[in-house]
Amino acid sequence: MTCCDMKGFLSFLVLRFISHKEMSGEDIRKELEKRKGTKPSPGTIYPVLKHLQEQGFIEPVDAKAKEKKYRATAAGKKEAKESTKKFISLFCCMGDEFHHH
């Protein structure tokens, strides 16, 4: 996953949300709207969910439910932690650049 890649960043955020609690695509869209002020389209979120599921990071909680909710697998939780560390170290390095003008 590259940090410059917006889709990679979105995958990271979605995985982080799901690693904290079970969520549906709609829950994730609402969560992103709260944080960013804009609600991403289902066409943006569902490919990310599909990708995370193919990677084995998330799984549907109840496939028969009308609204599918997802939970993070053990691998997904591990990935969320490791990605968070990567992003923090990346932003910390960038943070230094912002302080030295």
PDB file of N, CA and C in Angstrom:
ATOM      1  N   MET A   1       0.847  -1.187   0.000  1.00  0.00           N
ATOM      2  CA  MET A   1       0.000   0.000   0.000  1.00  0.00           C
ATOM      3  C   MET A   1       0.887   1.244   0.000  1.00  0.00           C
ATOM      4  N   THR A   2       0.630   2.134  -0.932  1.00  0.00           N
ATOM      5  CA  THR A   2       1.407   3.370  -0.942  1.00  0.00           C
ATOM      6  C   THR A   2       0.556   4.486  -0.355  1.00  0.00           C
ATOM      7  N   CYS A   3       1.208   5.391   0.339  1.00  0.00           N
ATOM      8  CA  CYS A   3       0.463   6.433   1.044  1.00  0.00           C
ATOM      9  C   CYS A   3      -0.027   7.497   0.093  1.00  0.00           C
ATOM     10  N   CYS A   4       0.602   7.610  -1.054  1.00  0.00           N
ATOM     11  CA  CYS A   4       0.212   8.664  -1.987  1.00  0.00           C
ATOM     12  C   CYS A   4      -1.049   8.236  -2.711  1.00  0.00           C
ATOM     13  N   ASP A   5      -1.388   6.980  -2.591  1.00  0.00           N
ATOM     14  CA  ASP A   5      -2.505   6.421  -3.305  1.00  0.00           C
ATOM     15  C   ASP A   5      -3.762   6.635  -2.478  1.00  0.00           C
ATOM     16  N   MET A   6      -4.691   7.440  -2.997  1.00  0.00           N
ATOM     17  CA  MET A   6      -5.904   7.785  -2.255  1.00  0.00           C
ATOM     18  C   MET A   6      -6.707   6.535  -1.921  1.00  0.00           C
ATOM     19  N   LYS A   7      -6.770   5.585  -2.859  1.00  0.00           N
ATOM     20  CA  LYS A   7      -7.530   4.371  -2.622  1.00  0.00           C
ATOM     21  C   LYS A   7      -6.887   3.580  -1.477  1.00  0.00           C
ATOM     22  N   GLY A   8      -5.567   3.579  -1.443  1.00  0.00           N
ATOM     23  CA  GLY A   8      -4.850   2.917  -0.359  1.00  0.00           C
ATOM     24  C   GLY A   8      -5.179   3.561   0.974  1.00  0.00           C
ATOM     25  N   PHE A   9      -5.277   4.876   0.954  1.00  0.00           N
ATOM     26  CA  PHE A   9      -5.579   5.603   2.186  1.00  0.00           C
ATOM     27  C   PHE A   9      -7.012   5.304   2.630  1.00  0.00           C
ATOM     28  N   LEU A  10      -7.921   5.238   1.655  1.00  0.00           N
ATOM     29  CA  LEU A  10      -9.309   4.919   1.964  1.00  0.00           C
ATOM     30  C   LEU A  10      -9.408   3.495   2.520  1.00  0.00           C
ATOM     31  N   SER A  11      -8.691   2.554   1.921  1.00  0.00           N
ATOM     32  CA  SER A  11      -8.680   1.167   2.426  1.00  0.00           C
ATOM     33  C   SER A  11      -8.210   1.150   3.867  1.00  0.00           C
ATOM     34  N   PHE A  12      -7.179   1.944   4.143  1.00  0.00           N
ATOM     35  CA  PHE A  12      -6.616   2.034   5.493  1.00  0.00           C
ATOM     36  C   PHE A  12      -7.683   2.544   6.477  1.00  0.00           C
ATOM     37  N   LEU A  13      -8.382   3.620   6.096  1.00  0.00           N
ATOM     38  CA  LEU A  13      -9.411   4.194   6.975  1.00  0.00           C
ATOM     39  C   LEU A  13     -10.549   3.206   7.211  1.00  0.00           C
ATOM     40  N   VAL A  14     -11.018   2.584   6.126  1.00  0.00           N
ATOM     41  CA  VAL A  14     -12.127   1.633   6.228  1.00  0.00           C
ATOM     42  C   VAL A  14     -11.738   0.470   7.135  1.00  0.00           C
ATOM     43  N   LEU A  15     -10.527  -0.034   6.947  1.00  0.00           N
ATOM     44  CA  LEU A  15     -10.059  -1.148   7.771  1.00  0.00           C
ATOM     45  C   LEU A  15      -9.959  -0.730   9.239  1.00  0.00           C
ATOM     46  N   ARG A  16      -9.501   0.489   9.466  1.00  0.00           N
ATOM     47  CA  ARG A  16      -9.417   0.999  10.854  1.00  0.00           C
ATOM     48  C   ARG A  16     -10.795   1.057  11.495  1.00  0.00           C
ATOM     49  N   PHE A  17     -11.768   1.600  10.759  1.00  0.00           N
ATOM     50  CA  PHE A  17     -13.134   1.690  11.296  1.00  0.00           C
ATOM     51  C   PHE A  17     -13.640   0.301  11.663  1.00  0.00           C
ATOM     52  N   ILE A  18     -13.522  -0.641  10.709  1.00  0.00           N
ATOM     53  CA  ILE A  18     -14.063  -1.986  10.908  1.00  0.00           C
ATOM     54  C   ILE A  18     -13.310  -2.734  11.994  1.00  0.00           C
ATOM     55  N   SER A  19     -12.037  -2.413  12.188  1.00  0.00           N
ATOM     56  CA  SER A  19     -11.287  -3.119  13.234  1.00  0.00           C
ATOM     57  C   SER A  19     -11.756  -2.679  14.623  1.00  0.00           C
ATOM     58  N   HIS A  20     -12.442  -1.524  14.703  1.00  0.00           N
ATOM     59  CA  HIS A  20     -12.977  -1.068  15.988  1.00  0.00           C
ATOM     60  C   HIS A  20     -14.378  -1.604  16.249  1.00  0.00           C
ATOM     61  N   LYS A  21     -15.188  -1.680  15.198  1.00  0.00           N
ATOM     62  CA  LYS A  21     -16.540  -2.238  15.375  1.00  0.00           C
ATOM     63  C   LYS A  21     -17.089  -2.716  14.037  1.00  0.00           C
ATOM     64  N   GLU A  22     -18.076  -3.612  14.116  1.00  0.00           N
ATOM     65  CA  GLU A  22     -18.710  -4.125  12.899  1.00  0.00           C
ATOM     66  C   GLU A  22     -19.447  -2.979  12.219  1.00  0.00           C
ATOM     67  N   MET A  23     -19.268  -2.865  10.910  1.00  0.00           N
ATOM     68  CA  MET A  23     -19.907  -1.767  10.178  1.00  0.00           C
ATOM     69  C   MET A  23     -20.354  -2.219   8.802  1.00  0.00           C
ATOM     70  N   SER A  24     -21.400  -1.571   8.298  1.00  0.00           N
ATOM     71  CA  SER A  24     -21.844  -1.820   6.931  1.00  0.00           C
ATOM     72  C   SER A  24     -21.227  -0.741   6.037  1.00  0.00           C
ATOM     73  N   GLY A  25     -21.372  -0.907   4.742  1.00  0.00           N
ATOM     74  CA  GLY A  25     -20.875   0.113   3.806  1.00  0.00           C
ATOM     75  C   GLY A  25     -21.492   1.467   4.100  1.00  0.00           C
ATOM     76  N   GLU A  26     -22.792   1.448   4.433  1.00  0.00           N
ATOM     77  CA  GLU A  26     -23.505   2.689   4.736  1.00  0.00           C
ATOM     78  C   GLU A  26     -22.956   3.329   6.014  1.00  0.00           C
ATOM     79  N   ASP A  27     -22.666   2.509   7.036  1.00  0.00           N
ATOM     80  CA  ASP A  27     -22.077   3.029   8.291  1.00  0.00           C
ATOM     81  C   ASP A  27     -20.754   3.732   7.984  1.00  0.00           C
ATOM     82  N   ILE A  28     -19.977   3.119   7.112  1.00  0.00           N
ATOM     83  CA  ILE A  28     -18.651   3.664   6.779  1.00  0.00           C
ATOM     84  C   ILE A  28     -18.807   4.990   6.039  1.00  0.00           C
ATOM     85  N   ARG A  29     -19.776   5.038   5.126  1.00  0.00           N
ATOM     86  CA  ARG A  29     -20.009   6.285   4.388  1.00  0.00           C
ATOM     87  C   ARG A  29     -20.389   7.411   5.357  1.00  0.00           C
ATOM     88  N   LYS A  30     -21.235   7.085   6.347  1.00  0.00           N
ATOM     89  CA  LYS A  30     -21.641   8.107   7.339  1.00  0.00           C
ATOM     90  C   LYS A  30     -20.450   8.548   8.186  1.00  0.00           C
ATOM     91  N   GLU A  31     -19.626   7.590   8.566  1.00  0.00           N
ATOM     92  CA  GLU A  31     -18.436   7.881   9.381  1.00  0.00           C
ATOM     93  C   GLU A  31     -17.480   8.800   8.622  1.00  0.00           C
ATOM     94  N   LEU A  32     -17.275   8.523   7.340  1.00  0.00           N
ATOM     95  CA  LEU A  32     -16.390   9.359   6.522  1.00  0.00           C
ATOM     96  C   LEU A  32     -16.990  10.747   6.331  1.00  0.00           C
ATOM     97  N   GLU A  33     -18.305  10.807   6.218  1.00  0.00           N
ATOM     98  CA  GLU A  33     -18.974  12.103   6.057  1.00  0.00           C
ATOM     99  C   GLU A  33     -18.749  12.953   7.302  1.00  0.00           C
ATOM    100  N   LYS A  34     -18.828  12.320   8.485  1.00  0.00           N
ATOM    101  CA  LYS A  34     -18.600  13.047   9.744  1.00  0.00           C
ATOM    102  C   LYS A  34     -17.191  13.631   9.781  1.00  0.00           C
ATOM    103  N   ARG A  35     -16.231  12.861   9.289  1.00  0.00           N
ATOM    104  CA  ARG A  35     -14.834  13.283   9.381  1.00  0.00           C
ATOM    105  C   ARG A  35     -14.429  14.235   8.271  1.00  0.00           C
ATOM    106  N   LYS A  36     -14.966  14.008   7.063  1.00  0.00           N
ATOM    107  CA  LYS A  36     -14.498  14.783   5.912  1.00  0.00           C
ATOM    108  C   LYS A  36     -15.511  15.808   5.426  1.00  0.00           C
ATOM    109  N   GLY A  37     -16.759  15.675   5.886  1.00  0.00           N
ATOM    110  CA  GLY A  37     -17.775  16.626   5.450  1.00  0.00           C
ATOM    111  C   GLY A  37     -18.426  16.240   4.131  1.00  0.00           C
ATOM    112  N   THR A  38     -17.891  15.241   3.446  1.00  0.00           N
ATOM    113  CA  THR A  38     -18.520  14.773   2.208  1.00  0.00           C
ATOM    114  C   THR A  38     -18.735  13.278   2.329  1.00  0.00           C
ATOM    115  N   LYS A  39     -19.830  12.834   1.766  1.00  0.00           N
ATOM    116  CA  LYS A  39     -20.157  11.411   1.855  1.00  0.00           C
ATOM    117  C   LYS A  39     -19.703  10.729   0.570  1.00  0.00           C
ATOM    118  N   PRO A  40     -18.788   9.780   0.666  1.00  0.00           N
ATOM    119  CA  PRO A  40     -18.345   9.102  -0.550  1.00  0.00           C
ATOM    120  C   PRO A  40     -19.479   8.270  -1.153  1.00  0.00           C
ATOM    121  N   SER A  41     -19.458   8.096  -2.448  1.00  0.00           N
ATOM    122  CA  SER A  41     -20.505   7.323  -3.112  1.00  0.00           C
ATOM    123  C   SER A  41     -20.315   5.835  -2.831  1.00  0.00           C
ATOM    124  N   PRO A  42     -21.401   5.054  -2.934  1.00  0.00           N
ATOM    125  CA  PRO A  42     -21.256   3.602  -2.756  1.00  0.00           C
ATOM    126  C   PRO A  42     -20.229   3.040  -3.738  1.00  0.00           C
ATOM    127  N   GLY A  43     -20.147   3.655  -4.904  1.00  0.00           N
ATOM    128  CA  GLY A  43     -19.185   3.211  -5.920  1.00  0.00           C
ATOM    129  C   GLY A  43     -17.739   3.397  -5.488  1.00  0.00           C
ATOM    130  N   THR A  44     -17.512   4.217  -4.469  1.00  0.00           N
ATOM    131  CA  THR A  44     -16.160   4.414  -3.928  1.00  0.00           C
ATOM    132  C   THR A  44     -15.895   3.402  -2.819  1.00  0.00           C
ATOM    133  N   ILE A  45     -16.906   3.176  -1.975  1.00  0.00           N
ATOM    134  CA  ILE A  45     -16.729   2.338  -0.784  1.00  0.00           C
ATOM    135  C   ILE A  45     -16.768   0.847  -1.084  1.00  0.00           C
ATOM    136  N   TYR A  46     -17.735   0.431  -1.917  1.00  0.00           N
ATOM    137  CA  TYR A  46     -17.897  -1.015  -2.099  1.00  0.00           C
ATOM    138  C   TYR A  46     -16.703  -1.710  -2.744  1.00  0.00           C
ATOM    139  N   PRO A  47     -16.034  -1.099  -3.720  1.00  0.00           N
ATOM    140  CA  PRO A  47     -14.818  -1.746  -4.239  1.00  0.00           C
ATOM    141  C   PRO A  47     -13.739  -1.901  -3.161  1.00  0.00           C
ATOM    142  N   VAL A  48     -13.669  -0.930  -2.240  1.00  0.00           N
ATOM    143  CA  VAL A  48     -12.693  -0.999  -1.138  1.00  0.00           C
ATOM    144  C   VAL A  48     -13.043  -2.174  -0.222  1.00  0.00           C
ATOM    145  N   LEU A  49     -14.331  -2.317   0.112  1.00  0.00           N
ATOM    146  CA  LEU A  49     -14.770  -3.437   0.963  1.00  0.00           C
ATOM    147  C   LEU A  49     -14.461  -4.769   0.277  1.00  0.00           C
ATOM    148  N   LYS A  50     -14.737  -4.825  -1.023  1.00  0.00           N
ATOM    149  CA  LYS A  50     -14.502  -6.055  -1.788  1.00  0.00           C
ATOM    150  C   LYS A  50     -13.007  -6.393  -1.769  1.00  0.00           C
ATOM    151  N   HIS A  51     -12.185  -5.369  -1.972  1.00  0.00           N
ATOM    152  CA  HIS A  51     -10.727  -5.547  -1.986  1.00  0.00           C
ATOM    153  C   HIS A  51     -10.247  -6.050  -0.617  1.00  0.00           C
ATOM    154  N   LEU A  52     -10.723  -5.431   0.459  1.00  0.00           N
ATOM    155  CA  LEU A  52     -10.308  -5.834   1.811  1.00  0.00           C
ATOM    156  C   LEU A  52     -10.758  -7.270   2.111  1.00  0.00           C
ATOM    157  N   GLN A  53     -11.938  -7.622   1.588  1.00  0.00           N
ATOM    158  CA  GLN A  53     -12.433  -8.978   1.804  1.00  0.00           C
ATOM    159  C   GLN A  53     -11.575  -9.987   1.026  1.00  0.00           C
ATOM    160  N   GLU A  54     -11.213  -9.624  -0.213  1.00  0.00           N
ATOM    161  CA  GLU A  54     -10.356 -10.511  -1.024  1.00  0.00           C
ATOM    162  C   GLU A  54      -8.984 -10.697  -0.377  1.00  0.00           C
ATOM    163  N   GLN A  55      -8.517  -9.660   0.312  1.00  0.00           N
ATOM    164  CA  GLN A  55      -7.220  -9.731   0.996  1.00  0.00           C
ATOM    165  C   GLN A  55      -7.303 -10.554   2.282  1.00  0.00           C
ATOM    166  N   GLY A  56      -8.546 -10.855   2.698  1.00  0.00           N
ATOM    167  CA  GLY A  56      -8.730 -11.626   3.929  1.00  0.00           C
ATOM    168  C   GLY A  56      -8.675 -10.772   5.191  1.00  0.00           C
ATOM    169  N   PHE A  57      -8.825  -9.438   5.038  1.00  0.00           N
ATOM    170  CA  PHE A  57      -8.752  -8.535   6.188  1.00  0.00           C
ATOM    171  C   PHE A  57     -10.106  -8.323   6.864  1.00  0.00           C
ATOM    172  N   ILE A  58     -11.187  -8.474   6.083  1.00  0.00           N
ATOM    173  CA  ILE A  58     -12.527  -8.331   6.663  1.00  0.00           C
ATOM    174  C   ILE A  58     -13.396  -9.484   6.178  1.00  0.00           C
ATOM    175  N   GLU A  59     -14.502  -9.709   6.911  1.00  0.00           N
ATOM    176  CA  GLU A  59     -15.442 -10.747   6.490  1.00  0.00           C
ATOM    177  C   GLU A  59     -16.849 -10.295   6.842  1.00  0.00           C
ATOM    178  N   PRO A  60     -17.851 -10.749   6.058  1.00  0.00           N
ATOM    179  CA  PRO A  60     -19.230 -10.388   6.389  1.00  0.00           C
ATOM    180  C   PRO A  60     -19.640 -11.064   7.685  1.00  0.00           C
ATOM    181  N   VAL A  61     -20.402 -10.350   8.505  1.00  0.00           N
ATOM    182  CA  VAL A  61     -20.846 -10.895   9.783  1.00  0.00           C
ATOM    183  C   VAL A  61     -21.980 -11.880   9.530  1.00  0.00           C
ATOM    184  N   ASP A  62     -22.985 -11.441   8.769  1.00  0.00           N
ATOM    185  CA  ASP A  62     -24.111 -12.308   8.470  1.00  0.00           C
ATOM    186  C   ASP A  62     -24.473 -12.107   7.012  1.00  0.00           C
ATOM    187  N   ALA A  63     -24.085 -13.036   6.195  1.00  0.00           N
ATOM    188  CA  ALA A  63     -24.266 -12.905   4.748  1.00  0.00           C
ATOM    189  C   ALA A  63     -25.739 -12.799   4.350  1.00  0.00           C
ATOM    190  N   LYS A  64     -26.640 -13.286   5.209  1.00  0.00           N
ATOM    191  CA  LYS A  64     -28.071 -13.274   4.852  1.00  0.00           C
ATOM    192  C   LYS A  64     -28.764 -11.974   5.232  1.00  0.00           C
ATOM    193  N   ALA A  65     -28.117 -11.164   6.047  1.00  0.00           N
ATOM    194  CA  ALA A  65     -28.744  -9.911   6.488  1.00  0.00           C
ATOM    195  C   ALA A  65     -28.972  -8.990   5.293  1.00  0.00           C
ATOM    196  N   LYS A  66     -30.020  -8.153   5.401  1.00  0.00           N
ATOM    197  CA  LYS A  66     -30.340  -7.235   4.297  1.00  0.00           C
ATOM    198  C   LYS A  66     -29.168  -6.275   4.088  1.00  0.00           C
ATOM    199  N   GLU A  67     -28.671  -5.725   5.192  1.00  0.00           N
ATOM    200  CA  GLU A  67     -27.518  -4.826   5.090  1.00  0.00           C
ATOM    201  C   GLU A  67     -26.304  -5.571   5.638  1.00  0.00           C
ATOM    202  N   LYS A  68     -25.375  -5.851   4.751  1.00  0.00           N
ATOM    203  CA  LYS A  68     -24.191  -6.616   5.152  1.00  0.00           C
ATOM    204  C   LYS A  68     -23.298  -5.785   6.065  1.00  0.00           C
ATOM    205  N   LYS A  69     -22.982  -6.343   7.223  1.00  0.00           N
ATOM    206  CA  LYS A  69     -21.993  -5.695   8.094  1.00  0.00           C
ATOM    207  C   LYS A  69     -20.720  -6.515   8.010  1.00  0.00           C
ATOM    208  N   TYR A  70     -19.615  -5.845   8.211  1.00  0.00           N
ATOM    209  CA  TYR A  70     -18.318  -6.508   8.133  1.00  0.00           C
ATOM    210  C   TYR A  70     -17.610  -6.419   9.469  1.00  0.00           C
ATOM    211  N   ARG A  71     -16.769  -7.410   9.736  1.00  0.00           N
ATOM    212  CA  ARG A  71     -15.902  -7.347  10.906  1.00  0.00           C
ATOM    213  C   ARG A  71     -14.483  -7.628  10.423  1.00  0.00           C
ATOM    214  N   ALA A  72     -13.519  -7.144  11.188  1.00  0.00           N
ATOM    215  CA  ALA A  72     -12.117  -7.380  10.835  1.00  0.00           C
ATOM    216  C   ALA A  72     -11.726  -8.787  11.263  1.00  0.00           C
ATOM    217  N   THR A  73     -10.950  -9.443  10.437  1.00  0.00           N
ATOM    218  CA  THR A  73     -10.393 -10.745  10.797  1.00  0.00           C
ATOM    219  C   THR A  73      -9.146 -10.479  11.639  1.00  0.00           C
ATOM    220  N   ALA A  74      -8.538 -11.526  12.177  1.00  0.00           N
ATOM    221  CA  ALA A  74      -7.295 -11.354  12.953  1.00  0.00           C
ATOM    222  C   ALA A  74      -6.231 -10.697  12.068  1.00  0.00           C
ATOM    223  N   ALA A  75      -6.158 -11.134  10.809  1.00  0.00           N
ATOM    224  CA  ALA A  75      -5.174 -10.552   9.878  1.00  0.00           C
ATOM    225  C   ALA A  75      -5.488  -9.078   9.630  1.00  0.00           C
ATOM    226  N   GLY A  76      -6.778  -8.765   9.561  1.00  0.00           N
ATOM    227  CA  GLY A  76      -7.195  -7.378   9.333  1.00  0.00           C
ATOM    228  C   GLY A  76      -6.825  -6.479  10.491  1.00  0.00           C
ATOM    229  N   LYS A  77      -7.008  -6.986  11.712  1.00  0.00           N
ATOM    230  CA  LYS A  77      -6.665  -6.187  12.896  1.00  0.00           C
ATOM    231  C   LYS A  77      -5.163  -5.934  12.946  1.00  0.00           C
ATOM    232  N   LYS A  78      -4.399  -6.964  12.584  1.00  0.00           N
ATOM    233  CA  LYS A  78      -2.939  -6.839  12.572  1.00  0.00           C
ATOM    234  C   LYS A  78      -2.524  -5.800  11.514  1.00  0.00           C
ATOM    235  N   GLU A  79      -3.131  -5.911  10.336  1.00  0.00           N
ATOM    236  CA  GLU A  79      -2.839  -4.980   9.239  1.00  0.00           C
ATOM    237  C   GLU A  79      -3.197  -3.550   9.643  1.00  0.00           C
ATOM    238  N   ALA A  80      -4.335  -3.372  10.318  1.00  0.00           N
ATOM    239  CA  ALA A  80      -4.760  -2.031  10.743  1.00  0.00           C
ATOM    240  C   ALA A  80      -3.724  -1.434  11.689  1.00  0.00           C
ATOM    241  N   LYS A  81      -3.223  -2.253  12.629  1.00  0.00           N
ATOM    242  CA  LYS A  81      -2.207  -1.772  13.577  1.00  0.00           C
ATOM    243  C   LYS A  81      -0.920  -1.396  12.851  1.00  0.00           C
ATOM    244  N   GLU A  82      -0.475  -2.290  11.943  1.00  0.00           N
ATOM    245  CA  GLU A  82       0.787  -2.030  11.239  1.00  0.00           C
ATOM    246  C   GLU A  82       0.674  -0.821  10.320  1.00  0.00           C
ATOM    247  N   SER A  83      -0.460  -0.701   9.639  1.00  0.00           N
ATOM    248  CA  SER A  83      -0.654   0.449   8.745  1.00  0.00           C
ATOM    249  C   SER A  83      -0.682   1.736   9.548  1.00  0.00           C
ATOM    250  N   THR A  84      -1.306   1.685  10.725  1.00  0.00           N
ATOM    251  CA  THR A  84      -1.364   2.882  11.577  1.00  0.00           C
ATOM    252  C   THR A  84       0.046   3.312  11.950  1.00  0.00           C
ATOM    253  N   LYS A  85       0.889   2.339  12.314  1.00  0.00           N
ATOM    254  CA  LYS A  85       2.283   2.664  12.666  1.00  0.00           C
ATOM    255  C   LYS A  85       2.993   3.309  11.488  1.00  0.00           C
ATOM    256  N   LYS A  86       2.769   2.746  10.271  1.00  0.00           N
ATOM    257  CA  LYS A  86       3.412   3.295   9.072  1.00  0.00           C
ATOM    258  C   LYS A  86       2.971   4.728   8.841  1.00  0.00           C
ATOM    259  N   PHE A  87       1.667   4.959   8.943  1.00  0.00           N
ATOM    260  CA  PHE A  87       1.160   6.315   8.708  1.00  0.00           C
ATOM    261  C   PHE A  87       1.670   7.287   9.752  1.00  0.00           C
ATOM    262  N   ILE A  88       1.705   6.857  11.002  1.00  0.00           N
ATOM    263  CA  ILE A  88       2.183   7.739  12.071  1.00  0.00           C
ATOM    264  C   ILE A  88       3.641   8.099  11.829  1.00  0.00           C
ATOM    265  N   SER A  89       4.458   7.107  11.488  1.00  0.00           N
ATOM    266  CA  SER A  89       5.876   7.424  11.264  1.00  0.00           C
ATOM    267  C   SER A  89       6.018   8.328  10.047  1.00  0.00           C
ATOM    268  N   LEU A  90       5.194   8.103   9.031  1.00  0.00           N
ATOM    269  CA  LEU A  90       5.245   8.943   7.832  1.00  0.00           C
ATOM    270  C   LEU A  90       4.863  10.381   8.196  1.00  0.00           C
ATOM    271  N   PHE A  91       3.757  10.537   8.936  1.00  0.00           N
ATOM    272  CA  PHE A  91       3.315  11.883   9.278  1.00  0.00           C
ATOM    273  C   PHE A  91       4.238  12.550  10.280  1.00  0.00           C
ATOM    274  N   CYS A  92       4.893  11.773  11.134  1.00  0.00           N
ATOM    275  CA  CYS A  92       5.849  12.354  12.076  1.00  0.00           C
ATOM    276  C   CYS A  92       7.037  12.921  11.320  1.00  0.00           C
ATOM    277  N   CYS A  93       7.495  12.167  10.331  1.00  0.00           N
ATOM    278  CA  CYS A  93       8.619  12.659   9.521  1.00  0.00           C
ATOM    279  C   CYS A  93       8.195  13.938   8.812  1.00  0.00           C
ATOM    280  N   MET A  94       6.984  13.932   8.286  1.00  0.00           N
ATOM    281  CA  MET A  94       6.494  15.124   7.595  1.00  0.00           C
ATOM    282  C   MET A  94       6.305  16.258   8.585  1.00  0.00           C
ATOM    283  N   GLY A  95       5.877  15.904   9.787  1.00  0.00           N
ATOM    284  CA  GLY A  95       5.667  16.899  10.832  1.00  0.00           C
ATOM    285  C   GLY A  95       6.915  17.696  11.086  1.00  0.00           C
ATOM    286  N   ASP A  96       8.083  17.030  11.066  1.00  0.00           N
ATOM    287  CA  ASP A  96       9.353  17.728  11.269  1.00  0.00           C
ATOM    288  C   ASP A  96       9.541  18.790  10.182  1.00  0.00           C
ATOM    289  N   GLU A  97       9.191  18.426   8.948  1.00  0.00           N
ATOM    290  CA  GLU A  97       9.358  19.383   7.852  1.00  0.00           C
ATOM    291  C   GLU A  97       8.473  20.602   8.070  1.00  0.00           C
ATOM    292  N   PHE A  98       7.288  20.415   8.651  1.00  0.00           N
ATOM    293  CA  PHE A  98       6.389  21.541   8.849  1.00  0.00           C
ATOM    294  C   PHE A  98       6.890  22.483   9.931  1.00  0.00           C
ATOM    295  N   HIS A  99       7.658  21.935  10.884  1.00  0.00           N
ATOM    296  CA  HIS A  99       8.111  22.778  11.997  1.00  0.00           C
ATOM    297  C   HIS A  99       9.340  23.615  11.648  1.00  0.00           C
ATOM    298  N   HIS A 100      10.152  23.120  10.719  1.00  0.00           N
ATOM    299  CA  HIS A 100      11.373  23.886  10.372  1.00  0.00           C
ATOM    300  C   HIS A 100      11.088  24.759   9.162  1.00  0.00           C
ATOM    301  N   HIS A 101      10.712  26.042   9.399  1.00  0.00           N
ATOM    302  CA  HIS A 101      10.600  26.819   8.175  1.00  0.00           C
ATOM    303  C   HIS A 101      11.770  27.764   8.099  1.00  0.00           C
TER     304      HIS A 101
END
